Amino acid sequence: MVRLGFIIGLIALIGALLSGLAAYRVHEQELAIDGIALARAIDVHASLVQDRLTERELLARVASGLFRAPSVIKANMLQPLRSSIYAFKTDFVVAAWVARLKPNELDAASKELAAAGFPNPAIRSYDDKPLDTHTINKPLDVLMDLEPRNNVTRAFAGRALDDYPAMGAMLARAMAEGKPISSDPINLLRPDGPIGLVLAAPVVQEGASTPVGFVTFSYELAPLMLTNDDLSLFSVALKDPRSEDGELVASDRGVVSSRRVASDAPAPSAVRTVTFGNRDWSLAYYAKTNAVRRAEQTAAIVGAIGLALTGIVCGLFGYVAYNNLRLSREIQVRIGFERRLTAVIDELNHRVKNILAVIQSIVTRTLRHGADVDVARELLIGRIHAMANVVSLLSESQWQGVKLRGLFEARAIPHADRIAVSGPDIAVSARAAQSLSLLFFELASHSDEGLSLVGKHPHIVAKWEVTGEEANAVFTFRWEEFNTSEATRRPDSDFGLILLDRVAPEALGGTSKRYFTDASYVYELTAPMETVVDMNERDRTEQISAPVRQGR
């Protein structure tokens, strides 16, 4: 009996040791898997939010670049842009034209609002109090047009935004920096309206040095930054820039509210920073479940099962239970991956819609009234071909960017065999590649128009270089067509001028200039390398495309 008890005790001891070991491994695996799944889900969510913000900012840039009206004192300035705006994105709450009016222009603006049928055409403050226009001695930022027009939005026409703290500060900064600027979170349309953001893009007309007004787009904050799946591993909150200890959160119905974070409150699991309107926004992510407690509970269950059994049966049962738990976690990780993959596919659909919107803009500008049909057809085919080529190159590289030399292939631009290309072999970002592809096609398509100075086709030299240290490196591109002059070269189209002088430089955050020498035509583009390469965009794409590791 003593020997039997010793054997039973030895088996029980072995079973306890095996159970303890299994419980320890379960605890560590649960913590590791939960940490990996939570971190990856947070990175995917932050990347998708940044892509949404970038698309909305691009809409504002394109809309501001398309303004061509000679006068800004109009109440229908958004009329030419309505089809393009709705083709690009339709989730904005209100799009508006804010004109910067001089004191002597206020009466004319009031008459224009009355002619447009707005209910209160008087120039007044933001809180709807009338202003004495004869005592005003400085320019005012007056809301002149809105989209959509309904009973609520029409009442805002004619209001000056200078005395509204959130909007006035935003417009002043956009005026000073000449870039799209985002406002602080504010209530939209009414004092108790949904909390959102307003993005203002300055409009600078040709020949002017200061903005003549602003195109603004307002968005609800919930779908813009705080949307989240009910089955996700975390909840998300936006750090309120108006308060050091404040946060903005969205309910299940998308209602955004503010809350104050106590000093002894649990810290967020992770914080990610996104950029919108030349401002940084901090997203705080809180895990919905306590991973440590969950791991401890799972380990305790495994240990209890092991202690309840004896010998090899106890160890075998603990081993099988452990493997079943691990398999369950792997299935959960796989389900989470499928959800993220679906989200990535949805985001890809948005990108395709954006590309189609760009193509629509190309078609509209190319086939404008009065254009030669044959010339327009060739330009249209070429521009769409250039867009298709760069999308193909980006797809081959999984949207990691493309080599700059690849944009000069014969299938991308016409007469590539007459272009002498030189420069370092650098890879440009997806955003830069799309702008540069259209830019190169526009330059190459015009280089073949007419005869050169000596009766031959112009010889073209395209070269680029990178100067300066890494942090302050500058990308310089130069396009020069020899044996041509202003008399022989066909003038650039309206679309070409917008692309050469506004869209391409603004997309890269740089500047451009074009001029004729005695025997050549020159176009130069200068931009910081950080926007040409855009490592942030590449890192986000790598995180989305990286495979999910199998749980151990």
Protein backbone atom coordinates (compact mmCIF):
# COMPACT_ATOMS: atom_id res chain seq x y z
CA MET A 1 0.00 0.00 0.00
CA VAL A 2 2.87 2.30 0.78
CA ARG A 3 4.41 1.65 -2.63
CA LEU A 4 1.05 2.17 -4.31
CA GLY A 5 0.58 5.44 -2.48
CA PHE A 6 4.09 6.50 -3.46
CA ILE A 7 3.36 5.70 -7.11
CA ILE A 8 0.02 7.48 -6.99
CA GLY A 9 1.68 10.45 -5.32
CA LEU A 10 4.45 10.47 -7.94
CA ILE A 11 1.89 10.34 -10.73
CA ALA A 12 -0.08 13.13 -9.05
CA LEU A 13 3.11 15.21 -8.72
CA ILE A 14 3.98 14.65 -12.37
CA GLY A 15 0.41 15.56 -13.33
CA ALA A 16 0.58 18.75 -11.23
CA LEU A 17 3.89 19.75 -12.82
CA LEU A 18 2.55 19.09 -16.30
CA SER A 19 -0.63 21.01 -15.52
CA GLY A 20 1.35 23.95 -14.15
CA LEU A 21 3.57 24.01 -17.24
CA ALA A 22 0.54 23.86 -19.54
CA ALA A 23 -1.16 26.66 -17.60
CA TYR A 24 1.96 28.85 -17.84
CA ARG A 25 2.28 28.35 -21.60
CA VAL A 26 -1.41 29.11 -22.10
CA HIS A 27 -1.01 32.32 -20.13
CA GLU A 28 1.97 33.52 -22.21
CA GLN A 29 0.38 32.53 -25.54
CA GLU A 30 -2.86 34.31 -24.69
CA LEU A 31 -1.02 37.51 -23.83
CA ALA A 32 1.13 37.32 -26.99
CA ILE A 33 -1.76 36.57 -29.35
CA ASP A 34 -4.01 39.24 -27.85
CA GLY A 35 -1.19 41.79 -28.04
CA ILE A 36 -0.39 40.99 -31.70
CA ALA A 37 -4.04 40.97 -32.77
CA LEU A 38 -4.77 44.24 -30.96
CA ALA A 39 -1.68 46.04 -32.35
CA ARG A 40 -2.37 44.92 -35.92
CA ALA A 41 -6.06 45.86 -35.73
CA ILE A 42 -5.10 49.31 -34.39
CA ASP A 43 -2.55 49.86 -37.19
CA VAL A 44 -5.06 48.87 -39.88
CA HIS A 45 -7.73 51.18 -38.42
CA ALA A 46 -5.32 54.13 -38.18
CA SER A 47 -4.14 53.55 -41.75
CA LEU A 48 -7.71 53.47 -43.09
CA VAL A 49 -8.55 56.67 -41.18
CA GLN A 50 -5.47 58.41 -42.64
CA ASP A 51 -6.43 57.32 -46.17
CA ARG A 52 -9.94 58.74 -45.68
CA LEU A 53 -8.51 62.03 -44.42
CA THR A 54 -6.06 62.24 -47.33
CA GLU A 55 -8.87 61.74 -49.86
CA ARG A 56 -10.94 64.54 -48.31
CA GLU A 57 -7.96 66.89 -48.28
CA LEU A 58 -7.24 66.02 -51.93
CA LEU A 59 -10.86 66.92 -52.80
CA ALA A 60 -10.36 70.36 -51.22
CA ARG A 61 -7.09 70.90 -53.12
CA VAL A 62 -8.61 69.89 -56.46
CA ALA A 63 -11.73 72.00 -55.87
CA SER A 64 -9.67 75.10 -55.02
CA GLY A 65 -7.49 74.56 -58.08
CA LEU A 66 -10.47 74.45 -60.47
CA PHE A 67 -11.77 77.96 -59.69
CA ARG A 68 -11.45 80.06 -62.85
CA ALA A 69 -14.12 82.76 -62.39
CA PRO A 70 -12.91 86.35 -62.94
CA SER A 71 -15.02 87.64 -60.05
CA VAL A 72 -15.50 86.15 -56.60
CA ILE A 73 -18.60 88.22 -55.76
CA LYS A 74 -20.99 85.53 -56.90
CA ALA A 75 -23.54 83.43 -55.13
CA ASN A 76 -23.16 80.46 -57.50
CA MET A 77 -19.39 79.86 -57.40
CA LEU A 78 -19.90 76.16 -56.62
CA GLN A 79 -22.12 75.61 -59.69
CA PRO A 80 -19.27 74.47 -62.05
CA LEU A 81 -17.91 72.12 -59.37
CA ARG A 82 -21.07 70.35 -58.26
CA SER A 83 -20.81 67.38 -60.62
CA SER A 84 -17.11 66.85 -59.87
CA ILE A 85 -17.59 67.17 -56.10
CA TYR A 86 -20.36 64.57 -55.99
CA ALA A 87 -18.45 62.24 -58.30
CA PHE A 88 -15.43 62.36 -55.99
CA LYS A 89 -17.01 62.10 -52.53
CA THR A 90 -20.51 62.68 -51.16
CA ASP A 91 -20.06 62.25 -47.41
CA PHE A 92 -19.51 65.92 -46.62
CA VAL A 93 -22.21 67.76 -44.68
CA VAL A 94 -21.85 71.15 -46.36
CA ALA A 95 -19.53 72.48 -49.07
CA ALA A 96 -19.26 76.26 -49.10
CA TRP A 97 -17.63 79.17 -50.91
CA VAL A 98 -16.30 81.85 -48.55
CA ALA A 99 -15.28 85.04 -50.38
CA ARG A 100 -12.80 87.50 -48.91
CA LEU A 101 -14.57 90.79 -49.62
CA LYS A 102 -13.26 94.31 -49.35
CA PRO A 103 -15.46 96.95 -47.67
CA ASN A 104 -16.43 98.47 -51.02
CA GLU A 105 -17.59 95.02 -52.28
CA LEU A 106 -20.06 94.26 -49.49
CA ASP A 107 -23.05 96.04 -51.06
CA ALA A 108 -22.50 94.25 -54.38
CA ALA A 109 -22.26 90.93 -52.52
CA SER A 110 -25.55 91.60 -50.74
CA LYS A 111 -27.26 92.30 -54.07
CA GLU A 112 -25.80 89.11 -55.53
CA LEU A 113 -27.18 87.06 -52.61
CA ALA A 114 -30.59 88.64 -53.07
CA ALA A 115 -30.55 87.83 -56.79
CA ALA A 116 -29.65 84.22 -55.99
CA GLY A 117 -32.78 83.88 -53.84
CA PHE A 118 -31.23 83.53 -50.40
CA PRO A 119 -33.73 84.42 -47.65
CA ASN A 120 -31.51 86.98 -45.86
CA PRO A 121 -29.04 88.64 -48.26
CA ALA A 122 -27.77 91.21 -45.74
CA ILE A 123 -24.13 90.99 -44.69
CA ARG A 124 -24.19 90.07 -41.00
CA SER A 125 -22.13 88.49 -38.24
CA TYR A 126 -22.02 84.75 -37.68
CA ASP A 127 -24.60 84.98 -34.89
CA ASP A 128 -26.98 86.55 -37.45
CA LYS A 129 -26.69 90.13 -36.23
CA PRO A 130 -26.67 92.82 -38.97
CA LEU A 131 -23.42 94.69 -39.66
CA ASP A 132 -23.06 98.32 -40.61
CA THR A 133 -21.10 97.90 -43.84
CA HIS A 134 -20.24 101.61 -43.96
CA THR A 135 -18.18 101.40 -40.74
CA ILE A 136 -16.17 98.35 -41.76
CA ASN A 137 -12.59 99.17 -42.76
CA LYS A 138 -11.06 95.71 -43.28
CA PRO A 139 -11.81 92.69 -45.52
CA LEU A 140 -14.45 90.24 -44.35
CA ASP A 141 -14.72 86.50 -45.03
CA VAL A 142 -18.37 86.18 -46.15
CA LEU A 143 -20.18 82.90 -46.87
CA MET A 144 -21.53 83.33 -50.44
CA ASP A 145 -22.57 79.87 -51.66
CA LEU A 146 -23.38 76.45 -50.15
CA GLU A 147 -24.02 72.93 -51.31
CA PRO A 148 -26.44 71.33 -50.73
CA ARG A 149 -28.95 74.15 -50.64
CA ASN A 150 -31.86 73.52 -48.30
CA ASN A 151 -33.87 75.43 -45.72
CA VAL A 152 -31.14 75.02 -43.11
CA THR A 153 -28.05 75.84 -45.17
CA ARG A 154 -29.59 78.73 -47.11
CA ALA A 155 -29.92 80.70 -43.87
CA PHE A 156 -26.12 80.82 -43.48
CA ALA A 157 -25.48 82.75 -46.73
CA GLY A 158 -24.28 86.30 -46.09
CA ARG A 159 -22.75 85.62 -42.68
CA ALA A 160 -19.21 86.84 -41.97
CA LEU A 161 -17.02 84.20 -40.35
CA ASP A 162 -14.29 86.49 -38.96
CA ASP A 163 -15.88 86.84 -35.51
CA TYR A 164 -16.57 83.09 -35.15
CA PRO A 165 -13.62 81.82 -33.05
CA ALA A 166 -13.18 78.35 -34.56
CA MET A 167 -13.81 79.35 -38.17
CA GLY A 168 -12.07 82.73 -37.99
CA ALA A 169 -8.83 81.25 -36.63
CA MET A 170 -8.91 78.51 -39.28
CA LEU A 171 -9.40 80.98 -42.16
CA ALA A 172 -6.68 83.26 -40.82
CA ARG A 173 -4.20 80.41 -40.73
CA ALA A 174 -5.22 79.18 -44.20
CA MET A 175 -4.74 82.75 -45.47
CA ALA A 176 -1.28 83.00 -43.89
CA GLU A 177 0.02 79.56 -44.91
CA GLY A 178 -1.75 79.18 -48.27
CA LYS A 179 -2.62 75.53 -47.50
CA PRO A 180 -5.78 73.62 -46.53
CA ILE A 181 -6.36 74.00 -42.77
CA SER A 182 -8.73 72.09 -40.51
CA SER A 183 -10.75 73.66 -37.71
CA ASP A 184 -11.17 72.49 -34.13
CA PRO A 185 -14.13 70.13 -33.53
CA ILE A 186 -17.34 72.20 -33.68
CA ASN A 187 -21.09 71.63 -33.84
CA LEU A 188 -22.24 71.67 -37.46
CA LEU A 189 -25.31 73.59 -38.76
CA ARG A 190 -26.77 74.32 -35.31
CA PRO A 191 -25.61 74.66 -31.68
CA ASP A 192 -26.73 71.11 -30.83
CA GLY A 193 -25.77 69.68 -34.22
CA PRO A 194 -23.36 66.79 -34.81
CA ILE A 195 -19.74 67.41 -33.90
CA GLY A 196 -17.48 67.61 -36.94
CA LEU A 197 -14.53 69.31 -38.63
CA VAL A 198 -14.34 71.99 -41.30
CA LEU A 199 -11.56 71.96 -43.90
CA ALA A 200 -10.78 75.27 -45.64
CA ALA A 201 -8.68 75.40 -48.84
CA PRO A 202 -7.52 78.87 -50.01
CA VAL A 203 -8.27 79.85 -53.62
CA VAL A 204 -5.60 81.91 -55.38
CA GLN A 205 -6.50 83.18 -58.85
CA GLU A 206 -3.99 83.59 -61.64
CA GLY A 207 -1.80 86.61 -61.19
CA ALA A 208 -2.78 87.06 -57.53
CA SER A 209 -0.47 86.61 -54.57
CA THR A 210 -3.06 86.29 -51.82
CA PRO A 211 -6.19 84.13 -51.61
CA VAL A 212 -9.46 85.64 -52.81
CA GLY A 213 -11.54 83.21 -50.81
CA PHE A 214 -11.84 79.68 -49.51
CA VAL A 215 -13.55 76.44 -50.47
CA THR A 216 -14.71 74.69 -47.29
CA PHE A 217 -15.95 71.17 -46.67
CA SER A 218 -17.45 70.08 -43.34
CA TYR A 219 -17.52 66.46 -42.22
CA GLU A 220 -19.09 64.67 -39.28
CA LEU A 221 -16.39 63.44 -36.92
CA ALA A 222 -17.92 60.01 -36.24
CA PRO A 223 -17.67 58.52 -39.78
CA LEU A 224 -14.46 60.45 -40.47
CA MET A 225 -12.29 59.16 -37.61
CA LEU A 226 -14.28 57.29 -34.94
CA THR A 227 -16.09 54.56 -36.91
CA ASN A 228 -15.40 51.06 -35.65
CA ASP A 229 -16.69 47.51 -35.93
CA ASP A 230 -18.87 46.29 -33.03
CA LEU A 231 -16.85 43.05 -33.00
CA SER A 232 -13.46 44.78 -32.97
CA LEU A 233 -10.93 44.37 -30.18
CA PHE A 234 -10.84 48.04 -29.19
CA SER A 235 -12.76 51.30 -28.88
CA VAL A 236 -11.33 54.52 -30.31
CA ALA A 237 -11.36 58.10 -28.98
CA LEU A 238 -10.01 61.37 -30.39
CA LYS A 239 -7.89 63.60 -28.15
CA ASP A 240 -9.77 66.90 -27.96
CA PRO A 241 -7.35 69.69 -29.05
CA ARG A 242 -9.45 72.17 -27.09
CA SER A 243 -8.73 70.46 -23.75
CA GLU A 244 -5.63 68.74 -22.39
CA ASP A 245 -7.62 66.00 -20.61
CA GLY A 246 -10.61 65.80 -22.94
CA GLU A 247 -11.57 63.10 -25.44
CA LEU A 248 -14.25 62.75 -28.12
CA VAL A 249 -16.01 59.39 -28.49
CA ALA A 250 -18.80 58.10 -30.71
CA SER A 251 -21.76 56.01 -29.56
CA ASP A 252 -23.18 52.98 -31.40
CA ARG A 253 -25.51 55.38 -33.26
CA GLY A 254 -22.63 57.64 -34.36
CA VAL A 255 -23.36 60.45 -31.87
CA VAL A 256 -20.12 62.12 -30.80
CA SER A 257 -19.77 63.40 -27.25
CA SER A 258 -16.91 64.72 -25.13
CA ARG A 259 -15.64 63.26 -21.90
CA ARG A 260 -13.00 64.21 -19.36
CA VAL A 261 -10.26 61.68 -18.60
CA ALA A 262 -9.38 61.44 -14.93
CA SER A 263 -5.72 61.50 -13.94
CA ASP A 264 -5.99 58.01 -12.40
CA ALA A 265 -7.90 56.53 -15.36
CA PRO A 266 -6.33 53.58 -17.26
CA ALA A 267 -3.99 54.66 -20.03
CA PRO A 268 -4.97 53.80 -23.63
CA SER A 269 -3.53 50.62 -25.12
CA ALA A 270 -2.02 52.61 -28.01
CA VAL A 271 -2.01 56.12 -29.46
CA ARG A 272 -1.74 56.78 -33.19
CA THR A 273 -1.32 60.16 -34.91
CA VAL A 274 -3.06 61.04 -38.20
CA THR A 275 -2.74 64.21 -40.26
CA PHE A 276 -5.62 66.28 -41.62
CA GLY A 277 -5.70 69.91 -42.69
CA ASN A 278 -2.00 70.44 -41.81
CA ARG A 279 -2.73 69.42 -38.21
CA ASP A 280 -1.89 66.33 -36.20
CA TRP A 281 -4.75 64.44 -34.53
CA SER A 282 -4.19 61.84 -31.82
CA LEU A 283 -6.37 58.71 -31.74
CA ALA A 284 -6.44 56.82 -28.43
CA TYR A 285 -7.26 53.10 -28.59
CA TYR A 286 -8.67 51.24 -25.57
CA ALA A 287 -8.83 47.43 -25.47
CA LYS A 288 -12.38 46.17 -24.86
CA THR A 289 -11.19 43.18 -22.83
CA ASN A 290 -8.60 42.77 -20.07
CA ALA A 291 -6.01 40.53 -21.73
CA VAL A 292 -4.16 39.78 -18.47
CA ARG A 293 -7.31 38.72 -16.64
CA ARG A 294 -8.45 36.68 -19.60
CA ALA A 295 -5.07 34.91 -19.80
CA GLU A 296 -5.12 34.25 -16.06
CA GLN A 297 -8.62 32.79 -16.21
CA THR A 298 -7.72 30.51 -19.11
CA ALA A 299 -4.55 29.33 -17.35
CA ALA A 300 -6.48 28.66 -14.12
CA ILE A 301 -8.95 26.49 -15.99
CA VAL A 302 -6.17 24.43 -17.55
CA GLY A 303 -4.42 24.07 -14.20
CA ALA A 304 -7.62 22.99 -12.44
CA ILE A 305 -8.25 20.36 -15.07
CA GLY A 306 -4.71 19.06 -14.69
CA LEU A 307 -4.95 18.84 -10.88
CA ALA A 308 -8.29 17.03 -11.14
CA LEU A 309 -6.73 14.16 -13.09
CA THR A 310 -3.88 11.77 -12.30
CA GLY A 311 -0.93 10.42 -14.18
CA ILE A 312 -0.70 10.34 -17.93
CA VAL A 313 -4.49 10.84 -18.34
CA CYS A 314 -4.19 14.20 -16.55
CA GLY A 315 -1.19 15.29 -18.65
CA LEU A 316 -2.74 14.10 -21.91
CA PHE A 317 -6.02 15.84 -21.18
CA GLY A 318 -4.20 19.08 -20.32
CA TYR A 319 -2.18 18.86 -23.52
CA VAL A 320 -5.30 18.31 -25.65
CA ALA A 321 -7.12 21.15 -23.89
CA TYR A 322 -4.18 23.46 -24.49
CA ASN A 323 -4.07 22.63 -28.21
CA ASN A 324 -7.81 23.16 -28.50
CA LEU A 325 -7.50 26.60 -26.94
CA ARG A 326 -4.62 27.49 -29.25
CA LEU A 327 -6.62 26.36 -32.27
CA SER A 328 -9.55 28.50 -31.11
CA ARG A 329 -7.30 31.57 -30.88
CA GLU A 330 -5.88 30.90 -34.36
CA ILE A 331 -9.41 30.75 -35.74
CA GLN A 332 -10.26 34.05 -34.05
CA VAL A 333 -7.11 35.64 -35.49
CA ARG A 334 -8.03 34.32 -38.93
CA ILE A 335 -11.56 35.74 -38.63
CA GLY A 336 -10.06 39.08 -37.63
CA PHE A 337 -7.75 38.94 -40.64
CA GLU A 338 -10.72 38.31 -42.95
CA ARG A 339 -12.48 41.35 -41.49
CA ARG A 340 -9.42 43.50 -42.04
CA LEU A 341 -9.07 42.13 -45.56
CA THR A 342 -12.66 43.13 -46.26
CA ALA A 343 -11.91 46.60 -44.93
CA VAL A 344 -8.86 46.86 -47.21
CA ILE A 345 -10.95 45.77 -50.21
CA ASP A 346 -13.55 48.41 -49.38
CA GLU A 347 -10.80 51.01 -49.19
CA LEU A 348 -9.50 49.81 -52.56
CA ASN A 349 -12.98 50.36 -53.99
CA HIS A 350 -12.81 53.93 -52.72
CA ARG A 351 -9.46 54.39 -54.47
CA VAL A 352 -10.94 53.09 -57.71
CA LYS A 353 -13.80 55.59 -57.38
CA ASN A 354 -11.28 58.36 -56.83
CA ILE A 355 -9.36 57.33 -59.97
CA LEU A 356 -12.61 57.32 -61.93
CA ALA A 357 -13.32 60.82 -60.61
CA VAL A 358 -9.92 61.97 -61.86
CA ILE A 359 -10.65 60.39 -65.24
CA GLN A 360 -14.01 62.18 -65.32
CA SER A 361 -12.22 65.46 -64.68
CA ILE A 362 -9.78 64.63 -67.49
CA VAL A 363 -12.62 63.87 -69.90
CA THR A 364 -14.53 67.02 -68.93
CA ARG A 365 -11.50 69.27 -69.39
CA THR A 366 -10.35 67.56 -72.60
CA LEU A 367 -13.74 67.56 -74.35
CA ARG A 368 -14.62 71.12 -73.39
CA HIS A 369 -16.82 73.20 -75.68
CA GLY A 370 -15.01 74.27 -78.85
CA ALA A 371 -12.17 71.72 -78.67
CA ASP A 372 -10.97 70.10 -81.91
CA VAL A 373 -12.43 66.57 -81.96
CA ASP A 374 -9.35 64.82 -83.39
CA VAL A 375 -6.93 66.57 -81.05
CA ALA A 376 -9.22 66.05 -78.07
CA ARG A 377 -9.59 62.36 -78.87
CA GLU A 378 -5.82 61.82 -79.01
CA LEU A 379 -5.24 63.79 -75.80
CA LEU A 380 -8.06 61.94 -74.01
CA ILE A 381 -6.75 58.52 -75.04
CA GLY A 382 -3.22 59.48 -74.07
CA ARG A 383 -4.16 60.90 -70.66
CA ILE A 384 -6.26 57.87 -69.77
CA HIS A 385 -3.43 55.62 -71.06
CA ALA A 386 -0.99 57.45 -68.78
CA MET A 387 -3.29 56.96 -65.78
CA ALA A 388 -3.76 53.26 -66.65
CA ASN A 389 0.00 52.77 -66.94
CA VAL A 390 0.81 54.26 -63.55
CA VAL A 391 -1.99 52.27 -61.87
CA SER A 392 -0.56 49.12 -63.49
CA LEU A 393 2.93 49.94 -62.18
CA LEU A 394 1.56 50.63 -58.70
CA SER A 395 -0.37 47.36 -58.72
CA GLU A 396 2.80 45.46 -59.67
CA SER A 397 4.61 47.01 -56.70
CA GLN A 398 1.63 46.52 -54.33
CA TRP A 399 1.26 50.32 -54.13
CA GLN A 400 4.78 50.64 -52.71
CA GLY A 401 5.69 53.31 -55.27
CA VAL A 402 7.27 53.09 -58.74
CA LYS A 403 10.65 53.82 -60.24
CA LEU A 404 10.73 57.28 -61.77
CA ARG A 405 12.32 55.96 -64.96
CA GLY A 406 9.39 53.60 -65.44
CA LEU A 407 7.10 56.59 -66.06
CA PHE A 408 9.05 57.36 -69.27
CA GLU A 409 8.29 54.02 -70.95
CA ALA A 410 6.98 54.16 -74.50
CA ARG A 411 3.63 52.78 -73.42
CA ALA A 412 3.22 55.63 -70.92
CA ILE A 413 3.99 58.78 -72.96
CA PRO A 414 4.24 59.52 -76.70
CA HIS A 415 7.57 59.84 -78.52
CA ALA A 416 9.53 58.31 -75.64
CA ASP A 417 12.35 57.42 -78.06
CA ARG A 418 13.09 61.15 -78.53
CA ILE A 419 13.47 61.84 -74.81
CA ALA A 420 16.92 61.68 -73.23
CA VAL A 421 16.33 60.65 -69.60
CA SER A 422 18.93 61.07 -66.85
CA GLY A 423 18.85 61.11 -63.07
CA PRO A 424 19.18 58.86 -60.01
CA ASP A 425 17.03 55.74 -59.94
CA ILE A 426 14.57 56.72 -57.19
CA ALA A 427 11.17 55.28 -56.32
CA VAL A 428 8.37 57.84 -55.92
CA SER A 429 5.20 57.42 -53.86
CA ALA A 430 1.85 56.40 -55.32
CA ARG A 431 0.45 59.93 -55.01
CA ALA A 432 3.53 61.46 -56.64
CA ALA A 433 3.55 58.82 -59.40
CA GLN A 434 -0.02 59.64 -60.47
CA SER A 435 0.69 63.37 -60.67
CA LEU A 436 4.07 62.95 -62.43
CA SER A 437 2.64 60.46 -64.97
CA LEU A 438 0.00 62.97 -66.13
CA LEU A 439 2.63 65.74 -66.02
CA PHE A 440 5.07 63.84 -68.27
CA PHE A 441 2.34 62.94 -70.74
CA GLU A 442 1.11 66.53 -70.91
CA LEU A 443 4.65 67.79 -71.64
CA ALA A 444 5.40 65.04 -74.18
CA SER A 445 2.09 65.39 -76.03
CA HIS A 446 2.66 69.11 -76.64
CA SER A 447 6.28 68.66 -77.70
CA ASP A 448 5.23 67.10 -81.04
CA GLU A 449 3.01 69.99 -82.14
CA GLY A 450 4.16 71.95 -85.20
CA LEU A 451 7.66 72.23 -86.73
CA SER A 452 10.77 73.09 -84.81
CA LEU A 453 13.09 75.98 -85.55
CA VAL A 454 15.16 73.83 -87.97
CA GLY A 455 12.27 71.83 -89.46
CA LYS A 456 12.76 68.79 -87.21
CA HIS A 457 10.96 67.39 -84.23
CA PRO A 458 12.23 68.92 -80.99
CA HIS A 459 14.90 67.03 -79.11
CA ILE A 460 13.85 66.59 -75.46
CA VAL A 461 15.99 66.25 -72.34
CA ALA A 462 14.34 65.14 -69.06
CA LYS A 463 16.58 65.06 -66.04
CA TRP A 464 16.23 65.19 -62.29
CA GLU A 465 18.51 65.34 -59.28
CA VAL A 466 18.36 65.19 -55.50
CA THR A 467 20.32 67.76 -53.50
CA GLY A 468 20.83 68.41 -49.79
CA GLU A 469 20.96 66.21 -46.72
CA GLU A 470 18.40 63.46 -46.10
CA ALA A 471 16.22 65.51 -43.76
CA ASN A 472 16.23 68.53 -46.10
CA ALA A 473 16.73 66.79 -49.46
CA VAL A 474 15.17 68.58 -52.45
CA PHE A 475 13.98 66.95 -55.68
CA THR A 476 14.49 69.04 -58.85
CA PHE A 477 13.06 68.02 -62.24
CA ARG A 478 13.84 69.84 -65.51
CA TRP A 479 12.18 69.25 -68.88
CA GLU A 480 13.75 71.04 -71.88
CA GLU A 481 12.60 70.87 -75.52
CA PHE A 482 15.29 72.08 -77.90
CA ASN A 483 14.74 73.49 -81.40
CA THR A 484 11.39 75.02 -80.54
CA SER A 485 10.04 78.43 -79.69
CA GLU A 486 6.91 80.14 -78.42
CA ALA A 487 5.82 80.72 -82.03
CA THR A 488 6.06 77.05 -83.09
CA ARG A 489 4.92 75.27 -79.96
CA ARG A 490 1.19 74.84 -79.43
CA PRO A 491 -0.02 76.63 -76.28
CA ASP A 492 -0.91 74.43 -73.31
CA SER A 493 -4.58 73.61 -72.80
CA ASP A 494 -6.56 74.77 -69.77
CA PHE A 495 -6.22 71.31 -68.28
CA GLY A 496 -2.49 71.37 -68.99
CA LEU A 497 -2.01 74.77 -67.34
CA ILE A 498 -3.86 73.65 -64.21
CA LEU A 499 -1.82 70.44 -64.10
CA LEU A 500 1.55 72.13 -64.76
CA ASP A 501 1.10 75.17 -62.53
CA ARG A 502 -1.17 74.01 -59.71
CA VAL A 503 -2.16 70.38 -59.30
CA ALA A 504 1.28 68.76 -59.77
CA PRO A 505 3.23 71.27 -57.61
CA GLU A 506 0.59 71.27 -54.85
CA ALA A 507 0.38 67.46 -54.84
CA LEU A 508 4.16 67.32 -54.22
CA GLY A 509 4.25 70.34 -51.92
CA GLY A 510 6.61 72.21 -54.27
CA THR A 511 6.78 74.91 -56.92
CA SER A 512 7.06 75.01 -60.71
CA LYS A 513 7.89 77.41 -63.49
CA ARG A 514 7.93 77.30 -67.31
CA TYR A 515 9.56 79.62 -69.81
CA PHE A 516 11.12 79.87 -73.29
CA THR A 517 14.80 80.44 -73.99
CA ASP A 518 16.27 81.47 -77.35
CA ALA A 519 15.94 77.95 -78.74
CA SER A 520 14.08 75.82 -76.18
CA TYR A 521 11.08 75.43 -73.92
CA VAL A 522 11.80 74.69 -70.24
CA TYR A 523 9.60 73.39 -67.43
CA GLU A 524 11.07 73.05 -63.92
CA LEU A 525 9.54 71.45 -60.83
CA THR A 526 11.05 71.61 -57.33
CA ALA A 527 9.68 69.73 -54.30
CA PRO A 528 10.93 68.30 -50.99
CA MET A 529 11.97 64.64 -51.18
CA GLU A 530 9.82 63.77 -48.17
CA THR A 531 6.67 64.39 -50.26
CA VAL A 532 8.07 62.80 -53.43
CA VAL A 533 9.02 59.57 -51.66
CA ASP A 534 6.50 59.77 -48.73
CA MET A 535 7.80 56.99 -46.46
CA ASN A 536 4.67 57.29 -44.26
CA GLU A 537 2.48 56.20 -47.18
CA ARG A 538 4.83 53.29 -47.92
CA ASP A 539 4.88 52.15 -44.26
CA ARG A 540 1.08 52.21 -44.09
CA THR A 541 0.79 50.09 -47.24
CA GLU A 542 3.38 47.60 -45.93
CA GLN A 543 1.44 47.22 -42.70
CA ILE A 544 -1.80 46.47 -44.56
CA SER A 545 -0.15 44.02 -47.01
CA ALA A 546 1.96 42.22 -44.36
CA PRO A 547 0.75 38.63 -43.74
CA VAL A 548 -0.74 37.68 -40.39
CA ARG A 549 1.57 35.39 -38.40
CA GLN A 550 0.15 32.11 -37.24
CA GLY A 551 -0.41 31.79 -33.53
CA ARG A 552 2.01 29.45 -31.74
